[in-house]
C-alpha atoms as a PDB file:
ATOM      1  CA  ALA A   1       0.000   0.000   0.000  1.00  0.00           C
ATOM      2  CA  ALA A   2       2.831   2.404   0.821  1.00  0.00           C
ATOM      3  CA  SER A   3       4.400   1.944  -2.616  1.00  0.00           C
ATOM      4  CA  ALA A   4       1.031   2.598  -4.282  1.00  0.00           C
ATOM      5  CA  ILE A   5       0.635   5.820  -2.300  1.00  0.00           C
ATOM      6  CA  GLY A   6       4.166   6.864  -3.226  1.00  0.00           C
ATOM      7  CA  ALA A   7       3.440   6.195  -6.898  1.00  0.00           C
ATOM      8  CA  LEU A   8       0.244   8.255  -6.714  1.00  0.00           C
ATOM      9  CA  GLN A   9       2.091  11.119  -5.025  1.00  0.00           C
ATOM     10  CA  ALA A  10       4.766  11.028  -7.723  1.00  0.00           C
ATOM     11  CA  LYS A  11       2.127  11.197 -10.478  1.00  0.00           C
ATOM     12  CA  LEU A  12       0.365  14.113  -8.801  1.00  0.00           C
ATOM     13  CA  LEU A  13       3.600  16.056  -8.275  1.00  0.00           C
ATOM     14  CA  ALA A  14       4.652  15.460 -11.877  1.00  0.00           C
ATOM     15  CA  LYS A  15       1.446  17.193 -13.034  1.00  0.00           C
ATOM     16  CA  ALA A  16       1.329  19.918 -10.366  1.00  0.00           C
ATOM     17  CA  GLU A  17       1.720  23.564 -11.322  1.00  0.00           C
ATOM     18  CA  VAL A  18       1.202  24.970  -7.803  1.00  0.00           C
ATOM     19  CA  LEU A  19       2.504  23.651  -4.507  1.00  0.00           C
ATOM     20  CA  TYR A  20       0.633  25.314  -1.628  1.00  0.00           C
ATOM     21  CA  LEU A  21       2.137  24.517   1.769  1.00  0.00           C
ATOM     22  CA  CYS A  22       1.386  27.717   3.682  1.00  0.00           C
ATOM     23  CA  ASP A  23       0.867  27.945   7.439  1.00  0.00           C
ATOM     24  CA  GLU A  24       1.986  24.368   8.091  1.00  0.00           C
ATOM     25  CA  GLU A  25       4.508  25.242  10.849  1.00  0.00           C
ATOM     26  CA  TRP A  26       7.268  23.739   8.724  1.00  0.00           C
ATOM     27  CA  GLY A  27      10.870  24.309   9.741  1.00  0.00           C
ATOM     28  CA  ASP A  28      14.270  23.630   8.203  1.00  0.00           C
ATOM     29  CA  LYS A  29      13.902  19.850   8.437  1.00  0.00           C
ATOM     30  CA  GLU A  30      10.682  19.835   6.432  1.00  0.00           C
ATOM     31  CA  ALA A  31      12.140  22.301   3.934  1.00  0.00           C
ATOM     32  CA  GLU A  32      15.115  19.995   3.417  1.00  0.00           C
ATOM     33  CA  VAL A  33      12.833  16.979   2.862  1.00  0.00           C
ATOM     34  CA  LEU A  34      10.800  18.996   0.360  1.00  0.00           C
ATOM     35  CA  ALA A  35      13.949  20.156  -1.424  1.00  0.00           C
ATOM     36  CA  ALA A  36      15.160  16.568  -1.754  1.00  0.00           C
ATOM     37  CA  GLY A  37      11.907  15.604  -3.457  1.00  0.00           C
ATOM     38  CA  LEU A  38      11.730  18.502  -5.905  1.00  0.00           C
ATOM     39  CA  THR A  39      13.789  17.823  -9.007  1.00  0.00           C
ATOM     40  CA  PRO A  40      13.311  18.608 -12.698  1.00  0.00           C
ATOM     41  CA  ALA A  41      12.236  14.979 -13.149  1.00  0.00           C
ATOM     42  CA  THR A  42       9.732  14.901 -10.270  1.00  0.00           C
ATOM     43  CA  ALA A  43       8.230  18.390 -10.693  1.00  0.00           C
ATOM     44  CA  PRO A  44       8.722  19.474 -14.302  1.00  0.00           C
ATOM     45  CA  LYS A  45       5.584  21.640 -14.466  1.00  0.00           C
ATOM     46  CA  LEU A  46       5.804  23.297 -11.052  1.00  0.00           C
ATOM     47  CA  GLU A  47       5.389  27.054 -11.519  1.00  0.00           C
ATOM     48  CA  GLN A  48       4.553  28.265  -8.000  1.00  0.00           C
ATOM     49  CA  VAL A  49       5.922  27.166  -4.634  1.00  0.00           C
ATOM     50  CA  LEU A  50       3.999  28.866  -1.834  1.00  0.00           C
ATOM     51  CA  LEU A  51       5.490  28.373   1.631  1.00  0.00           C
ATOM     52  CA  SER A  52       4.407  31.505   3.500  1.00  0.00           C
ATOM     53  CA  GLY A  53       3.682  31.481   7.221  1.00  0.00           C
ATOM     54  CA  ASN A  54       6.003  28.650   8.181  1.00  0.00           C
ATOM     55  CA  CYS A  55       9.077  28.503  10.421  1.00  0.00           C
ATOM     56  CA  ILE A  56      11.737  27.951   7.763  1.00  0.00           C
ATOM     57  CA  GLY A  57      15.102  29.404   8.735  1.00  0.00           C
ATOM     58  CA  ALA A  58      18.288  30.287   6.883  1.00  0.00           C
ATOM     59  CA  ALA A  59      19.475  26.696   6.462  1.00  0.00           C
ATOM     60  CA  GLY A  60      16.162  25.533   5.038  1.00  0.00           C
ATOM     61  CA  ALA A  61      15.996  28.507   2.696  1.00  0.00           C
ATOM     62  CA  ALA A  62      19.463  27.814   1.313  1.00  0.00           C
ATOM     63  CA  THR A  63      18.628  24.146   0.734  1.00  0.00           C
ATOM     64  CA  LEU A  64      15.340  25.026  -0.938  1.00  0.00           C
ATOM     65  CA  GLY A  65      17.046  27.567  -3.158  1.00  0.00           C
ATOM     66  CA  GLY A  66      19.418  24.966  -4.536  1.00  0.00           C
ATOM     67  CA  ALA A  67      16.581  22.604  -5.429  1.00  0.00           C
ATOM     68  CA  LEU A  68      14.159  25.216  -6.710  1.00  0.00           C
ATOM     69  CA  ALA A  69      16.775  26.763  -8.981  1.00  0.00           C
ATOM     70  CA  LEU A  70      16.726  23.578 -11.054  1.00  0.00           C
ATOM     71  CA  LEU A  71      12.973  23.536 -11.676  1.00  0.00           C
ATOM     72  CA  PRO A  72      12.429  24.577 -15.293  1.00  0.00           C
ATOM     73  CA  ALA A  73       8.922  26.041 -14.966  1.00  0.00           C
ATOM     74  CA  LEU A  74       9.273  27.858 -11.624  1.00  0.00           C
ATOM     75  CA  THR A  75       8.181  31.497 -11.815  1.00  0.00           C
ATOM     76  CA  GLU A  76       6.998  32.273  -8.281  1.00  0.00           C
ATOM     77  CA  LEU A  77       8.279  31.523  -4.786  1.00  0.00           C
ATOM     78  CA  ASP A  78       6.611  32.859  -1.638  1.00  0.00           C
ATOM     79  CA  VAL A  79       8.527  32.398   1.601  1.00  0.00           C
ATOM     80  CA  SER A  80       7.095  35.426   3.392  1.00  0.00           C
ATOM     81  CA  GLY A  81       6.349  35.063   7.081  1.00  0.00           C
ATOM     82  CA  ASN A  82       9.152  32.589   7.740  1.00  0.00           C
ATOM     83  CA  ARG A  83      12.289  32.942   9.871  1.00  0.00           C
ATOM     84  CA  ILE A  84      14.754  33.192   7.028  1.00  0.00           C
ATOM     85  CA  GLY A  85      16.375  36.478   8.034  1.00  0.00           C
ATOM     86  CA  ASP A  86      18.835  38.536   5.993  1.00  0.00           C
ATOM     87  CA  ALA A  87      21.511  35.829   5.764  1.00  0.00           C
ATOM     88  CA  GLY A  88      18.965  33.209   4.724  1.00  0.00           C
ATOM     89  CA  GLY A  89      17.435  35.542   2.162  1.00  0.00           C
ATOM     90  CA  ALA A  90      20.852  36.228   0.689  1.00  0.00           C
ATOM     91  CA  ALA A  91      21.636  32.488   0.572  1.00  0.00           C
ATOM     92  CA  LEU A  92      18.300  31.816  -1.129  1.00  0.00           C
ATOM     93  CA  VAL A  93      18.931  34.478  -3.761  1.00  0.00           C
ATOM     94  CA  ARG A  94      22.479  33.203  -4.394  1.00  0.00           C
ATOM     95  CA  ALA A  95      21.241  29.623  -4.801  1.00  0.00           C
ATOM     96  CA  LEU A  96      18.450  30.646  -7.172  1.00  0.00           C
ATOM     97  CA  ALA A  97      20.786  32.828  -9.213  1.00  0.00           C
ATOM     98  CA  ALA A  98      23.423  30.102  -9.471  1.00  0.00           C
ATOM     99  CA  GLY A  99      20.891  27.630 -10.807  1.00  0.00           C
ATOM    100  CA  SER A 100      19.353  29.866 -13.444  1.00  0.00           C
END
């Protein structure tokens, strides 16, 4: 059953254009797990990643930036209301710029 659920999740993500995970109380650990699962192969159509109102810090932002920079369709990222701070914001921008 677990493999069937995983296969269904993979199919849904492959077709997704918007990923809405706002106000979930996610931190760096969850951001890192998300980043590991978002690749050009797994999320080729993903245009918007909305993560506002979570607890993501600088480390999670940097990890996300590296993964998100590789997504070919990404046009919008919302990380407002997190705990990224100036250093995390700068790391996120650097990672996104390096991948584009």
